[in-house]
């Protein structure tokens, strides 16, 4: 059975390669049941971006592993 619930995550940045967002928790996000993804940036200039696929958001914002997508439901299971 396919999960029809949104999944919450946060972006944890270990290295700020752009010098803009800083390190630590830099954004909060939702992966919607259709696979699209919304990210809300924290900080002095918060914004929201919407991606058609999670993989696209990871390709742009992951910075080769410098930013991790940390899933809330995975952490809750620990």
Protein backbone atom coordinates (compact mmCIF):
# COMPACT_ATOMS: atom_id res chain seq x y z
CA UNK A 1 0.00 0.00 0.00
CA UNK A 2 1.34 3.42 -0.99
CA UNK A 3 1.82 5.96 1.80
CA UNK A 4 -0.46 8.95 1.29
CA UNK A 5 0.93 11.03 4.16
CA UNK A 6 3.29 13.98 3.75
CA UNK A 7 6.81 13.42 5.15
CA UNK A 8 8.53 16.14 7.15
CA UNK A 9 12.25 16.79 6.98
CA UNK A 10 14.81 19.46 7.72
CA UNK A 11 17.97 20.47 5.92
CA UNK A 12 21.08 20.19 8.10
CA UNK A 13 24.04 21.98 6.59
CA UNK A 14 27.48 20.92 7.76
CA UNK A 15 29.39 23.23 5.43
CA UNK A 16 28.01 26.46 3.96
CA UNK A 17 29.57 26.30 0.49
CA UNK A 18 27.76 29.45 -0.71
CA UNK A 19 28.33 31.58 2.39
CA UNK A 20 24.63 32.50 2.52
CA UNK A 21 22.63 30.09 4.67
CA UNK A 22 25.07 29.28 7.43
CA UNK A 23 25.34 25.89 9.09
CA UNK A 24 23.04 23.78 11.25
CA UNK A 25 19.31 23.57 10.49
CA UNK A 26 18.82 25.92 7.53
CA UNK A 27 15.38 24.87 6.25
CA UNK A 28 12.29 22.78 6.93
CA UNK A 29 10.51 20.75 4.31
CA UNK A 30 7.67 18.50 3.27
CA UNK A 31 7.68 15.74 0.70
CA UNK A 32 4.08 15.52 -0.53
CA UNK A 33 2.38 12.20 -1.44
CA UNK A 34 2.78 12.94 -5.17
CA UNK A 35 6.56 13.24 -4.73
CA UNK A 36 6.71 17.03 -4.99
CA UNK A 37 8.67 18.84 -2.29
CA UNK A 38 8.35 22.19 -0.51
CA UNK A 39 11.24 23.78 1.36
CA UNK A 40 10.95 26.78 3.72
CA UNK A 41 14.26 28.49 4.34
CA UNK A 42 15.04 29.85 7.79
CA UNK A 43 17.10 32.95 8.54
CA UNK A 44 16.88 36.67 7.97
CA UNK A 45 15.35 36.30 4.49
CA UNK A 46 13.00 33.30 4.69
CA UNK A 47 11.47 31.99 1.49
CA UNK A 48 9.61 28.97 0.18
CA UNK A 49 10.53 26.97 -2.92
CA UNK A 50 8.56 24.11 -4.47
CA UNK A 51 10.12 21.30 -6.50
CA UNK A 52 8.37 18.74 -8.70
CA UNK A 53 10.65 16.00 -7.31
CA UNK A 54 12.70 15.57 -4.14
CA UNK A 55 15.68 14.52 -6.27
CA UNK A 56 15.71 17.96 -7.92
CA UNK A 57 15.84 19.70 -4.52
CA UNK A 58 18.67 17.39 -3.42
CA UNK A 59 20.61 18.06 -6.63
CA UNK A 60 20.47 21.84 -6.10
CA UNK A 61 20.66 22.15 -2.31
CA UNK A 62 22.59 19.05 -1.24
CA UNK A 63 25.94 20.56 -2.31
CA UNK A 64 27.56 17.17 -2.74
CA UNK A 65 26.74 15.98 0.79
CA UNK A 66 27.38 19.30 2.59
CA UNK A 67 23.62 19.45 3.35
CA UNK A 68 21.67 16.47 4.66
CA UNK A 69 17.94 15.83 4.36
CA UNK A 70 16.97 14.57 7.84
CA UNK A 71 13.57 12.86 7.98
CA UNK A 72 11.40 13.50 11.06
CA UNK A 73 9.72 10.07 10.90
CA UNK A 74 13.12 8.32 10.83
CA UNK A 75 14.26 10.23 13.90
CA UNK A 76 10.97 9.50 15.72
CA UNK A 77 11.48 5.78 15.13
CA UNK A 78 14.81 5.83 17.01
